[in-house]
Amino acid sequence: MSGGMSGPPLEVIASWPAPNYVDPITRGPTAIIVGCVCLGVSMIVLPLRYYTRLRISKNFGADDILLGIGMIFVLAFTGLVFHAYLLGFWSRHLWDVPLPNLVLSIKHTMAAGLTYLIASTLVKLSFLFLYRRILDHTIWKHYNRVLTAIITFVILVPCFYFPLIIFQCRPIRAYWDITPTYEFYCLPRVFPDASLSIVSAILDFVVVMLPIPILWRMSLPLKQRVGMCCLFGAGLLICVVGSLRSYYLFFVLYHTWDATWYVMDVYITTMLEIYVGVICASIPALRPLAGKYWPQARRLLPSHTRDLSPLVSTSDRSGQASPKRSSHTQISDFELAGESKPVSRDGPLAENKAREGLRGGGTCAASFEKEPEFCTSAI
């Protein structure tokens, strides 16, 4: 419940028990426990990601920068939740929250919404720039256009919702004033929280599923294709948690007046969503580390010295390979001599041609549809 927005009717307020500001019933430390566990796991995974990219694969990129900046806002969001819980903003029944604290609670709600918007956007962009890194040259000619369009849309979402959250009430202070005595106007409660929740959940699903069809069509053994799809498909957990968040948010917005009690479920699932996003975005980057210290991982996942290079090359309609090659697409001799060797039905001669093309800095000798064996995975 926001100040300038519609409050509970008088008959609902009359049904509430007497306020207890001294020793009220609270929700318990669930939010603190969840936040500390997620923070601890992230503080292990994220440094390992940076160690892998800087020391092993030596391929630090834009996705790492975006995730690092996003982690700052994730920490800020966690701090807001912890602060609100410790002060009793989001852990008591509404009638047990003193009026000054209720005003601060509403201000915390706006700050948390803005922080979540930035954090979730940066995590999504980290996923998308990771896809751009590893699937820069693909058999799908329009894939990069689709990827660019999705990146643009993800960037436009906070550009639209950030001012919408701040200026949803005019004047702005009407958002947290409990009983405004001046003329004001506030947007319906469906904007922006409910609509942002739906948009975010849809984008989570699109971002997670985007690379799966391409990964499945790569010229890898079935076991490795399944392993790669599972590796990237682990992000579906973000969609599950995001759906739970939307459910709790709609419950708070439309099915209860006791917002300060039930809103904690929203913020617990929000913390889970953004922390799971940070962890899932880091897991693919840890493959070189797993391949170095856990050789058995190579049976399920291709592991190379060069991290996250394109899986296949780009060919035009005439079947000619594109000479374009970015700085992160080089394939080392170790990769050519490793477990993911090019395999050809036509014998050693075709295999040697593929090796020569790769060593020479070129792309595959033919399109993926005609000779998929020539395209070596370096992911």
Protein backbone atom coordinates (compact mmCIF):
# COMPACT_ATOMS: atom_id res chain seq x y z
CA MET A 1 0.00 0.00 0.00
CA SER A 2 1.42 3.36 -0.99
CA GLY A 3 0.52 6.59 0.69
CA GLY A 4 -1.27 8.46 -2.07
CA MET A 5 -2.81 5.31 -3.47
CA SER A 6 -6.09 3.87 -2.25
CA GLY A 7 -5.86 2.71 1.35
CA PRO A 8 -8.00 0.15 3.19
CA PRO A 9 -11.66 1.04 3.75
CA LEU A 10 -12.77 2.10 7.22
CA GLU A 11 -14.57 -1.20 7.91
CA VAL A 12 -11.33 -3.08 7.23
CA ILE A 13 -9.36 -0.80 9.57
CA ALA A 14 -12.06 -1.22 12.24
CA SER A 15 -11.61 -5.01 12.07
CA TRP A 16 -7.91 -4.85 12.86
CA PRO A 17 -6.72 -5.66 16.39
CA ALA A 18 -5.18 -3.02 18.64
CA PRO A 19 -1.67 -2.05 17.50
CA ASN A 20 1.28 -3.57 19.34
CA TYR A 21 4.38 -1.42 18.91
CA VAL A 22 6.32 -2.97 21.83
CA ASP A 23 6.35 -6.72 21.24
CA PRO A 24 4.58 -7.42 17.94
CA ILE A 25 4.40 -10.69 16.05
CA THR A 26 7.05 -10.80 13.31
CA ARG A 27 7.72 -12.95 10.26
CA GLY A 28 10.97 -14.40 11.59
CA PRO A 29 14.45 -14.23 10.07
CA THR A 30 13.63 -16.04 6.81
CA ALA A 31 14.66 -13.08 4.65
CA ILE A 32 17.96 -12.71 6.50
CA ILE A 33 18.75 -16.43 6.14
CA VAL A 34 17.85 -16.54 2.45
CA GLY A 35 19.83 -13.38 1.76
CA CYS A 36 22.92 -14.56 3.62
CA VAL A 37 22.91 -17.98 1.89
CA CYS A 38 22.46 -16.45 -1.57
CA LEU A 39 25.10 -13.83 -0.86
CA GLY A 40 27.55 -16.47 0.35
CA VAL A 41 27.11 -18.64 -2.75
CA SER A 42 27.42 -15.62 -5.04
CA MET A 43 30.60 -14.50 -3.29
CA ILE A 44 32.10 -17.88 -4.12
CA VAL A 45 30.87 -18.23 -7.69
CA LEU A 46 31.54 -14.68 -8.87
CA PRO A 47 35.25 -14.54 -7.85
CA LEU A 48 35.73 -17.98 -9.43
CA ARG A 49 34.21 -16.61 -12.63
CA TYR A 50 36.61 -13.67 -12.65
CA TYR A 51 39.58 -15.91 -11.81
CA THR A 52 38.65 -18.19 -14.71
CA ARG A 53 38.24 -15.35 -17.17
CA LEU A 54 41.38 -13.48 -16.10
CA ARG A 55 43.82 -16.30 -15.37
CA ILE A 56 42.69 -19.41 -17.26
CA SER A 57 40.74 -18.42 -20.36
CA LYS A 58 42.16 -14.86 -20.33
CA ASN A 59 39.07 -13.60 -22.07
CA PHE A 60 37.50 -10.97 -19.83
CA GLY A 61 34.55 -9.40 -21.62
CA ALA A 62 31.55 -7.11 -21.49
CA ASP A 63 29.37 -9.80 -19.88
CA ASP A 64 31.78 -9.93 -16.91
CA ILE A 65 31.69 -6.15 -16.52
CA LEU A 66 27.89 -6.05 -16.68
CA LEU A 67 27.53 -8.80 -14.10
CA GLY A 68 30.02 -7.09 -11.78
CA ILE A 69 28.09 -3.81 -11.93
CA GLY A 70 24.84 -5.72 -11.53
CA MET A 71 26.20 -7.38 -8.39
CA ILE A 72 26.65 -3.94 -6.83
CA PHE A 73 22.93 -3.27 -7.24
CA VAL A 74 22.11 -6.79 -6.03
CA LEU A 75 24.04 -6.02 -2.84
CA ALA A 76 22.22 -2.68 -2.54
CA PHE A 77 18.87 -4.45 -2.86
CA THR A 78 19.90 -7.00 -0.23
CA GLY A 79 20.91 -4.18 2.11
CA LEU A 80 17.50 -2.53 1.68
CA VAL A 81 15.72 -5.78 2.51
CA PHE A 82 17.89 -6.40 5.58
CA HIS A 83 17.44 -2.82 6.79
CA ALA A 84 13.67 -2.93 6.31
CA TYR A 85 13.45 -6.24 8.16
CA LEU A 86 15.59 -5.14 11.11
CA LEU A 87 13.51 -1.96 11.52
CA GLY A 88 10.27 -3.91 11.25
CA PHE A 89 9.10 -2.30 8.02
CA TRP A 90 8.31 -5.56 6.19
CA SER A 91 8.09 -8.09 8.99
CA ARG A 92 5.07 -6.91 11.02
CA HIS A 93 1.36 -6.66 10.44
CA LEU A 94 0.33 -3.31 9.05
CA TRP A 95 -1.46 -2.31 12.25
CA ASP A 96 1.72 -2.96 14.27
CA VAL A 97 3.87 -0.56 12.22
CA PRO A 98 4.14 2.97 13.67
CA LEU A 99 3.11 5.71 11.29
CA PRO A 100 6.65 7.19 10.84
CA ASN A 101 7.98 3.70 10.07
CA LEU A 102 5.17 3.14 7.59
CA VAL A 103 6.26 6.23 5.66
CA LEU A 104 9.85 4.95 5.63
CA SER A 105 8.58 1.53 4.56
CA ILE A 106 6.89 3.04 1.51
CA LYS A 107 10.08 4.95 0.63
CA HIS A 108 12.02 1.70 0.97
CA THR A 109 9.54 0.09 -1.41
CA MET A 110 10.27 2.65 -4.12
CA ALA A 111 14.04 2.39 -3.59
CA ALA A 112 13.88 -1.42 -3.70
CA GLY A 113 11.84 -1.34 -6.90
CA LEU A 114 14.35 0.92 -8.64
CA THR A 115 17.31 -1.15 -7.41
CA TYR A 116 15.72 -4.40 -8.53
CA LEU A 117 14.98 -2.91 -11.95
CA ILE A 118 18.64 -2.02 -12.53
CA ALA A 119 20.03 -5.24 -11.04
CA SER A 120 17.76 -7.56 -13.03
CA THR A 121 18.43 -5.63 -16.24
CA LEU A 122 22.20 -5.92 -15.84
CA VAL A 123 21.95 -9.65 -15.10
CA LYS A 124 19.86 -10.19 -18.24
CA LEU A 125 22.32 -8.16 -20.30
CA SER A 126 25.17 -10.26 -18.93
CA PHE A 127 23.40 -13.38 -20.25
CA LEU A 128 22.79 -11.77 -23.63
CA PHE A 129 26.36 -10.53 -24.07
CA LEU A 130 27.54 -14.00 -23.10
CA TYR A 131 25.42 -15.39 -25.93
CA ARG A 132 26.84 -12.80 -28.30
CA ARG A 133 30.33 -13.89 -27.29
CA ILE A 134 29.85 -17.62 -27.84
CA LEU A 135 27.40 -17.60 -30.73
CA ASP A 136 28.81 -14.70 -32.70
CA HIS A 137 29.14 -16.83 -35.86
CA THR A 138 26.22 -19.16 -36.30
CA ILE A 139 24.36 -20.95 -39.04
CA TRP A 140 21.30 -18.86 -38.24
CA LYS A 141 21.84 -15.77 -40.37
CA HIS A 142 19.31 -13.69 -38.45
CA TYR A 143 20.38 -14.78 -34.98
CA ASN A 144 22.54 -11.73 -34.31
CA ARG A 145 19.71 -9.46 -35.42
CA VAL A 146 17.33 -11.19 -33.03
CA LEU A 147 19.91 -10.98 -30.26
CA THR A 148 20.49 -7.29 -30.91
CA ALA A 149 16.74 -6.65 -30.87
CA ILE A 150 16.36 -8.41 -27.52
CA ILE A 151 19.32 -6.52 -26.05
CA THR A 152 17.75 -3.25 -27.22
CA PHE A 153 14.41 -4.16 -25.68
CA VAL A 154 16.01 -5.17 -22.37
CA ILE A 155 17.78 -1.80 -22.25
CA LEU A 156 14.56 0.08 -23.07
CA VAL A 157 12.64 -1.58 -20.23
CA PRO A 158 14.40 0.34 -17.42
CA CYS A 159 14.42 3.47 -19.56
CA PHE A 160 10.61 3.29 -19.51
CA TYR A 161 9.94 1.94 -16.02
CA PHE A 162 12.55 3.92 -14.04
CA PRO A 163 10.81 7.28 -14.52
CA LEU A 164 7.43 5.54 -14.30
CA ILE A 165 8.25 4.26 -10.81
CA ILE A 166 9.51 7.65 -9.64
CA PHE A 167 6.72 9.74 -11.15
CA GLN A 168 3.79 7.35 -10.68
CA CYS A 169 2.34 9.91 -8.27
CA ARG A 170 2.14 13.64 -8.86
CA PRO A 171 3.57 15.23 -6.81
CA ILE A 172 6.14 12.52 -6.06
CA ARG A 173 5.73 12.79 -2.26
CA ALA A 174 2.11 11.67 -2.62
CA TYR A 175 3.51 8.17 -3.10
CA TRP A 176 4.54 7.95 0.58
CA ASP A 177 2.30 10.50 2.26
CA ILE A 178 -0.24 8.47 4.24
CA THR A 179 -2.95 11.14 4.36
CA PRO A 180 -2.12 13.78 1.75
CA THR A 181 -4.03 17.02 2.28
CA TYR A 182 -3.23 18.39 -1.17
CA GLU A 183 -4.44 17.57 -4.63
CA PHE A 184 -2.59 14.61 -6.13
CA TYR A 185 -2.85 11.91 -8.77
CA CYS A 186 -1.40 8.39 -8.72
CA LEU A 187 -1.38 5.74 -11.44
CA PRO A 188 -3.49 2.62 -10.90
CA ARG A 189 -1.76 -0.08 -8.90
CA VAL A 190 -1.39 -2.25 -12.00
CA PHE A 191 1.28 0.27 -13.08
CA PRO A 192 4.16 -0.04 -12.78
CA ASP A 193 4.72 -2.97 -10.37
CA ALA A 194 2.35 -5.52 -11.88
CA SER A 195 3.21 -4.80 -15.50
CA LEU A 196 6.96 -4.78 -14.76
CA SER A 197 6.64 -8.15 -13.05
CA ILE A 198 4.97 -9.65 -16.12
CA VAL A 199 7.50 -8.12 -18.54
CA SER A 200 10.40 -9.30 -16.39
CA ALA A 201 9.06 -12.86 -16.18
CA ILE A 202 8.59 -13.03 -19.97
CA LEU A 203 12.08 -11.65 -20.60
CA ASP A 204 13.56 -14.17 -18.16
CA PHE A 205 12.08 -17.02 -20.18
CA VAL A 206 13.16 -15.53 -23.54
CA VAL A 207 16.72 -14.89 -22.35
CA VAL A 208 17.13 -18.36 -20.85
CA MET A 209 15.72 -20.25 -23.85
CA LEU A 210 17.37 -18.14 -26.55
CA PRO A 211 20.54 -20.26 -27.07
CA ILE A 212 19.01 -23.71 -26.58
CA PRO A 213 17.88 -24.37 -30.22
CA ILE A 214 21.31 -23.41 -31.57
CA LEU A 215 23.20 -25.41 -28.97
CA TRP A 216 21.14 -28.47 -29.82
CA ARG A 217 22.10 -28.23 -33.50
CA MET A 218 25.83 -28.07 -32.90
CA SER A 219 28.18 -30.72 -34.29
CA LEU A 220 28.87 -32.25 -30.88
CA PRO A 221 28.27 -35.73 -29.48
CA LEU A 222 24.78 -36.15 -28.07
CA LYS A 223 26.05 -36.34 -24.49
CA GLN A 224 27.85 -33.01 -24.84
CA ARG A 225 24.89 -31.36 -26.54
CA VAL A 226 22.65 -32.46 -23.68
CA GLY A 227 25.25 -31.24 -21.20
CA MET A 228 25.47 -27.82 -22.85
CA CYS A 229 21.69 -27.43 -23.02
CA CYS A 230 21.41 -28.37 -19.35
CA LEU A 231 24.19 -25.92 -18.51
CA PHE A 232 22.39 -22.99 -20.09
CA GLY A 233 18.92 -24.34 -19.31
CA ALA A 234 19.69 -24.14 -15.59
CA GLY A 235 18.53 -20.56 -15.92
CA LEU A 236 14.95 -21.87 -16.06
CA LEU A 237 15.17 -21.78 -12.27
CA ILE A 238 15.12 -17.98 -12.66
CA CYS A 239 11.79 -18.28 -14.47
CA VAL A 240 10.34 -20.44 -11.70
CA VAL A 241 11.40 -18.02 -8.97
CA GLY A 242 10.28 -15.04 -11.05
CA SER A 243 6.84 -16.61 -11.46
CA LEU A 244 6.60 -17.08 -7.69
CA ARG A 245 7.58 -13.45 -7.24
CA SER A 246 4.80 -12.36 -9.60
CA TYR A 247 2.28 -14.50 -7.73
CA TYR A 248 3.18 -12.97 -4.35
CA LEU A 249 3.24 -9.48 -5.82
CA PHE A 250 -0.25 -9.82 -7.29
CA PHE A 251 -1.46 -11.21 -3.96
CA VAL A 252 -0.10 -8.15 -2.12
CA LEU A 253 -1.51 -5.74 -4.70
CA TYR A 254 -5.00 -7.21 -5.08
CA HIS A 255 -5.83 -9.69 -2.32
CA THR A 256 -4.73 -8.21 1.02
CA TRP A 257 -4.48 -4.92 2.85
CA ASP A 258 -1.84 -6.28 5.22
CA ALA A 259 0.95 -5.38 2.79
CA THR A 260 3.78 -5.03 5.33
CA TRP A 261 3.27 -8.66 6.42
CA TYR A 262 2.96 -10.37 3.04
CA VAL A 263 5.35 -8.17 1.08
CA MET A 264 8.28 -10.05 2.62
CA ASP A 265 7.42 -13.02 0.39
CA VAL A 266 7.82 -10.71 -2.60
CA TYR A 267 11.26 -9.57 -1.50
CA ILE A 268 12.46 -13.05 -0.58
CA THR A 269 11.59 -14.35 -4.05
CA THR A 270 13.06 -11.19 -5.60
CA MET A 271 16.37 -11.84 -3.84
CA LEU A 272 16.29 -15.43 -5.02
CA GLU A 273 15.56 -14.35 -8.59
CA ILE A 274 18.47 -11.93 -8.94
CA TYR A 275 20.95 -14.10 -7.01
CA VAL A 276 20.03 -17.19 -9.04
CA GLY A 277 20.52 -15.03 -12.13
CA VAL A 278 24.03 -14.06 -11.01
CA ILE A 279 24.91 -17.69 -10.27
CA CYS A 280 23.45 -19.11 -13.50
CA ALA A 281 25.13 -16.40 -15.57
CA SER A 282 28.47 -17.42 -14.02
CA ILE A 283 28.19 -21.19 -14.40
CA PRO A 284 28.98 -21.38 -18.17
CA ALA A 285 32.11 -19.27 -17.62
CA LEU A 286 33.41 -21.82 -15.08
CA ARG A 287 33.76 -24.63 -17.64
CA PRO A 288 37.47 -24.06 -18.26
CA LEU A 289 38.05 -24.14 -14.51
CA ALA A 290 36.06 -27.37 -14.20
CA GLY A 291 37.95 -28.89 -17.13
CA LYS A 292 41.28 -28.01 -15.52
CA TYR A 293 40.64 -29.37 -12.03
CA TRP A 294 37.94 -31.96 -12.80
CA PRO A 295 38.87 -33.90 -15.95
CA GLN A 296 35.69 -36.00 -15.78
CA ALA A 297 33.72 -32.89 -16.72
CA ARG A 298 35.12 -33.12 -20.25
CA ARG A 299 32.97 -36.16 -20.88
CA LEU A 300 29.85 -34.05 -20.62
CA LEU A 301 31.12 -30.61 -21.61
CA PRO A 302 33.75 -29.53 -24.13
CA SER A 303 36.56 -27.81 -22.25
CA HIS A 304 39.27 -25.76 -23.96
CA THR A 305 41.96 -23.24 -23.23
CA ARG A 306 40.07 -20.59 -25.19
CA ASP A 307 36.86 -19.75 -23.42
CA LEU A 308 33.51 -19.42 -25.11
CA SER A 309 34.39 -19.20 -28.77
CA PRO A 310 31.74 -19.58 -31.48
CA LEU A 311 30.45 -23.04 -32.12
CA VAL A 312 29.94 -22.74 -35.86
CA SER A 313 30.83 -20.34 -38.59
CA THR A 314 28.67 -18.05 -40.65
CA SER A 315 27.99 -18.89 -44.29
CA ASP A 316 26.16 -16.88 -46.86
CA ARG A 317 23.45 -18.19 -49.12
CA SER A 318 25.96 -19.38 -51.69
CA GLY A 319 27.68 -21.59 -49.12
CA GLN A 320 30.84 -19.45 -48.96
CA ALA A 321 32.33 -19.08 -45.51
CA SER A 322 32.54 -15.60 -44.10
CA PRO A 323 36.07 -14.32 -43.52
CA LYS A 324 34.94 -12.30 -40.51
CA ARG A 325 36.64 -13.39 -37.33
CA SER A 326 36.62 -11.60 -34.02
CA SER A 327 39.45 -11.52 -31.50
CA HIS A 328 37.82 -14.06 -29.23
CA THR A 329 37.24 -16.73 -31.86
CA GLN A 330 40.77 -18.06 -32.13
CA ILE A 331 41.15 -21.80 -31.57
CA SER A 332 44.37 -23.06 -30.07
CA ASP A 333 46.35 -26.14 -31.03
CA PHE A 334 45.33 -27.63 -27.74
CA GLU A 335 41.70 -27.46 -28.80
CA LEU A 336 42.50 -29.11 -32.11
CA ALA A 337 44.44 -31.86 -30.36
CA GLY A 338 42.02 -32.17 -27.46
CA GLU A 339 38.90 -34.15 -26.95
CA SER A 340 36.70 -32.13 -29.32
CA LYS A 341 38.55 -33.02 -32.52
CA PRO A 342 36.82 -32.51 -35.85
CA VAL A 343 35.37 -35.83 -36.93
CA SER A 344 34.56 -36.52 -40.55
CA ARG A 345 32.73 -39.30 -42.31
CA ASP A 346 35.10 -38.84 -45.26
CA GLY A 347 38.22 -39.88 -43.38
CA PRO A 348 41.56 -38.24 -42.44
CA LEU A 349 41.83 -36.12 -45.60
CA ALA A 350 38.71 -34.08 -44.81
CA GLU A 351 39.77 -33.88 -41.17
CA ASN A 352 43.17 -32.48 -42.14
CA LYS A 353 41.47 -29.87 -44.34
CA ALA A 354 39.35 -28.81 -41.40
CA ARG A 355 42.44 -28.57 -39.20
CA GLU A 356 44.29 -26.46 -41.76
CA GLY A 357 41.36 -24.08 -42.12
CA LEU A 358 41.09 -23.62 -38.36
CA ARG A 359 44.83 -23.13 -37.82
CA GLY A 360 44.93 -20.61 -40.62
CA GLY A 361 42.41 -18.40 -38.87
CA GLY A 362 39.61 -19.19 -41.30
CA THR A 363 36.18 -20.59 -40.74
CA CYS A 364 34.59 -23.89 -41.64
CA ALA A 365 35.21 -25.21 -45.14
CA ALA A 366 31.52 -25.56 -45.85
CA SER A 367 28.18 -24.60 -44.41
CA PHE A 368 26.90 -26.39 -41.35
CA GLU A 369 24.10 -28.01 -43.27
CA LYS A 370 26.46 -29.62 -45.80
CA GLU A 371 29.43 -30.65 -43.65
CA PRO A 372 28.70 -30.11 -39.97
CA GLU A 373 31.71 -32.18 -38.96
CA PHE A 374 34.07 -29.45 -40.10
CA CYS A 375 32.68 -27.05 -37.50
CA THR A 376 34.44 -27.63 -34.21
CA SER A 377 32.95 -26.61 -30.89
CA ALA A 378 35.10 -24.32 -28.83
CA ILE A 379 32.57 -23.43 -26.20
